[in-house]
Amino acid sequence: MAVPSRPRRVLVISNETVEAEVLRETIAARAAATQVVVVAPALNTRLRHWLSDEDPARRAAERRLSGALAALRAAGVDVDGWVGDADPLVAIEDALAVFPAHELLIATHPEARSNWLAHDLVGRACARFSLPVLHVVVDGVVAQPPVLVAA
C-alpha cells in the first residue's frame, strides 16, 4: 500500500504587494496539493518603530492580508496567514519555525521603489535559508514574470 505523500509547503512573504493579482495567480498556479502560508510583515516608519507604535502598521497589514487570503481561498488554495515581524528576514525565520516550507516566494515592488530590494532581501534570504526562492516583482497591476532565484 502506497504511503500518501505530504503536501508541498510554500511560504509567501509579501506586504503591500499581497493583494496583487499576479501574486494570487502565481500562488494558485503552484497550489495543487500544496499548503500555503502568507506572512505580511508589519511595515512601519522608523519614527513609529522607535516610539514602539506599530499598531497602525499591523492593522494595515492585517487588512491587506485578510483580502488576499479570502481571494486565495476563493481560488481553491489551502492557505493560512498572519502578520509578521517588521523585518522580513525575521518574519521568514519565525514562520519557518512553525511552518517548515519547501519553497519561499518573496513578492516585492520594482527595484526603484523597493526597500526590501535595496536591502537585498532576496539575496540574503537565498543565503540564509536552504530553500528554493521564487521572486515576484509587482508594479501596481503590471507585474514581471516570477523568477526562480535559488534552487
Protein backbone atom coordinates (compact mmCIF):
# COMPACT_ATOMS: atom_id res chain seq x y z
CA MET A 1 0.00 0.00 0.00
CA ALA A 2 1.39 3.39 -1.00
CA VAL A 3 2.06 5.91 1.74
CA PRO A 4 0.38 9.23 0.96
CA SER A 5 2.92 11.96 0.35
CA ARG A 6 2.94 15.11 2.41
CA PRO A 7 1.73 18.18 0.60
CA ARG A 8 4.28 20.72 -0.59
CA ARG A 9 4.55 23.77 1.61
CA VAL A 10 5.07 27.25 0.20
CA LEU A 11 5.85 30.25 2.40
CA VAL A 12 4.93 33.60 0.86
CA ILE A 13 6.39 36.87 2.19
CA SER A 14 4.57 39.92 0.94
CA ASN A 15 3.07 43.08 2.35
CA GLU A 16 1.99 45.97 0.15
CA THR A 17 2.06 43.61 -2.84
CA VAL A 18 -0.01 40.88 -1.14
CA GLU A 19 -3.25 41.77 -2.94
CA ALA A 20 -1.74 41.85 -6.43
CA GLU A 21 -3.46 39.67 -9.00
CA VAL A 22 -0.16 38.36 -10.38
CA LEU A 23 0.85 37.16 -6.92
CA ARG A 24 -2.50 35.44 -6.44
CA GLU A 25 -2.17 33.81 -9.88
CA THR A 26 1.41 32.68 -9.15
CA ILE A 27 0.34 31.14 -5.84
CA ALA A 28 -2.76 29.50 -7.33
CA ALA A 29 -0.70 28.02 -10.20
CA ARG A 30 1.62 26.36 -7.66
CA ALA A 31 -1.13 25.35 -5.24
CA ALA A 32 -2.09 21.85 -6.40
CA ALA A 33 -1.54 19.56 -3.37
CA THR A 34 0.20 22.46 -1.64
CA GLN A 35 -0.21 24.18 1.70
CA VAL A 36 0.47 27.90 1.57
CA VAL A 37 1.21 30.35 4.37
CA VAL A 38 1.29 34.06 3.61
CA VAL A 39 3.15 36.28 6.05
CA ALA A 40 2.76 40.04 5.78
CA PRO A 41 5.46 41.86 7.75
CA ALA A 42 4.06 44.89 9.58
CA LEU A 43 5.93 47.64 7.77
CA ASN A 44 6.43 50.72 9.89
CA THR A 45 8.15 54.08 9.74
CA ARG A 46 11.39 54.45 11.66
CA LEU A 47 9.81 57.03 13.94
CA ARG A 48 6.80 54.83 14.77
CA HIS A 49 9.13 51.87 15.32
CA TRP A 50 11.34 53.95 17.60
CA LEU A 51 8.23 55.06 19.53
CA SER A 52 7.03 51.41 19.71
CA ASP A 53 3.87 52.42 17.83
CA GLU A 54 3.30 49.52 15.48
CA ASP A 55 -0.50 49.31 15.77
CA PRO A 56 -1.28 51.25 12.54
CA ALA A 57 1.25 49.16 10.59
CA ARG A 58 -0.20 45.90 11.95
CA ARG A 59 -3.77 46.99 11.16
CA ALA A 60 -2.82 47.93 7.59
CA ALA A 61 -1.02 44.62 7.08
CA GLU A 62 -3.97 42.70 8.55
CA ARG A 63 -6.41 44.45 6.16
CA ARG A 64 -4.32 43.63 3.09
CA LEU A 65 -3.66 40.08 4.27
CA SER A 66 -7.33 39.39 5.01
CA GLY A 67 -8.34 40.35 1.46
CA ALA A 68 -5.55 38.31 -0.07
CA LEU A 69 -6.39 35.20 1.98
CA ALA A 70 -10.07 35.44 1.04
CA ALA A 71 -9.19 35.72 -2.68
CA LEU A 72 -6.78 32.77 -2.47
CA ARG A 73 -9.33 30.60 -0.67
CA ALA A 74 -11.91 31.52 -3.32
CA ALA A 75 -9.40 30.28 -5.92
CA GLY A 76 -9.21 26.93 -4.09
CA VAL A 77 -5.85 27.45 -2.37
CA ASP A 78 -5.23 25.76 1.00
CA VAL A 79 -3.91 28.91 2.68
CA ASP A 80 -3.34 30.42 6.09
CA GLY A 81 -1.51 33.57 7.06
CA TRP A 82 -0.57 36.10 9.68
CA VAL A 83 1.12 39.43 10.21
CA GLY A 84 4.81 39.00 10.93
CA ASP A 85 7.76 40.94 12.25
CA ALA A 86 8.58 44.22 10.52
CA ASP A 87 11.95 42.78 9.49
CA PRO A 88 11.11 40.39 6.63
CA LEU A 89 14.09 38.10 7.38
CA VAL A 90 12.91 37.73 10.97
CA ALA A 91 9.35 37.18 9.70
CA ILE A 92 10.64 34.39 7.42
CA GLU A 93 12.63 32.78 10.21
CA ASP A 94 9.67 32.96 12.61
CA ALA A 95 7.34 31.43 10.02
CA LEU A 96 9.74 28.61 9.17
CA ALA A 97 9.88 27.67 12.87
CA VAL A 98 6.17 26.73 12.77
CA PHE A 99 5.70 26.04 9.04
CA PRO A 100 8.68 24.13 7.57
CA ALA A 101 8.29 25.18 3.94
CA HIS A 102 9.70 23.52 0.83
CA GLU A 103 9.80 26.80 -1.08
CA LEU A 104 9.92 30.52 -0.35
CA LEU A 105 8.08 33.05 -2.51
CA ILE A 106 9.02 36.72 -1.98
CA ALA A 107 6.90 39.45 -3.56
CA THR A 108 8.34 42.95 -3.85
CA HIS A 109 7.85 46.26 -5.60
CA PRO A 110 10.20 47.01 -8.52
CA GLU A 111 13.79 47.80 -7.57
CA ALA A 112 13.37 51.57 -7.93
CA ARG A 113 10.81 51.68 -5.09
CA SER A 114 11.50 48.56 -3.07
CA ASN A 115 13.07 48.97 0.34
CA TRP A 116 13.33 45.17 0.54
CA LEU A 117 15.38 45.01 -2.67
CA ALA A 118 17.50 47.99 -1.59
CA HIS A 119 18.45 45.87 1.43
CA ASP A 120 18.97 42.75 -0.75
CA LEU A 121 16.20 40.74 0.91
CA VAL A 122 16.06 38.17 -1.88
CA GLY A 123 19.82 37.59 -1.90
CA ARG A 124 20.00 37.47 1.88
CA ALA A 125 17.07 35.02 2.05
CA CYS A 126 18.80 32.79 -0.53
CA ALA A 127 21.99 32.82 1.54
CA ARG A 128 20.30 32.30 4.89
CA PHE A 129 17.64 29.67 4.15
CA SER A 130 18.22 26.40 2.32
CA LEU A 131 15.11 26.71 0.18
CA PRO A 132 14.30 27.44 -3.45
CA VAL A 133 13.33 31.12 -3.65
CA LEU A 134 10.88 32.50 -6.19
CA HIS A 135 10.86 36.29 -6.57
CA VAL A 136 7.75 38.04 -7.91
CA VAL A 137 8.04 41.75 -8.76
CA VAL A 138 4.73 43.60 -8.58
CA ASP A 139 4.34 47.08 -10.08
CA GLY A 140 0.73 48.03 -9.40
CA VAL A 141 -1.37 45.93 -11.74
CA VAL A 142 1.55 45.24 -14.10
CA ALA A 143 3.98 42.59 -12.97
CA GLN A 144 7.12 40.98 -14.25
CA PRO A 145 7.17 37.19 -14.62
CA PRO A 146 8.30 35.33 -11.47
CA VAL A 147 11.98 34.43 -11.36
CA LEU A 148 13.41 31.39 -9.56
CA VAL A 149 16.47 32.87 -7.86
CA ALA A 150 17.79 29.85 -5.97
CA ALA A 151 17.05 26.17 -6.03
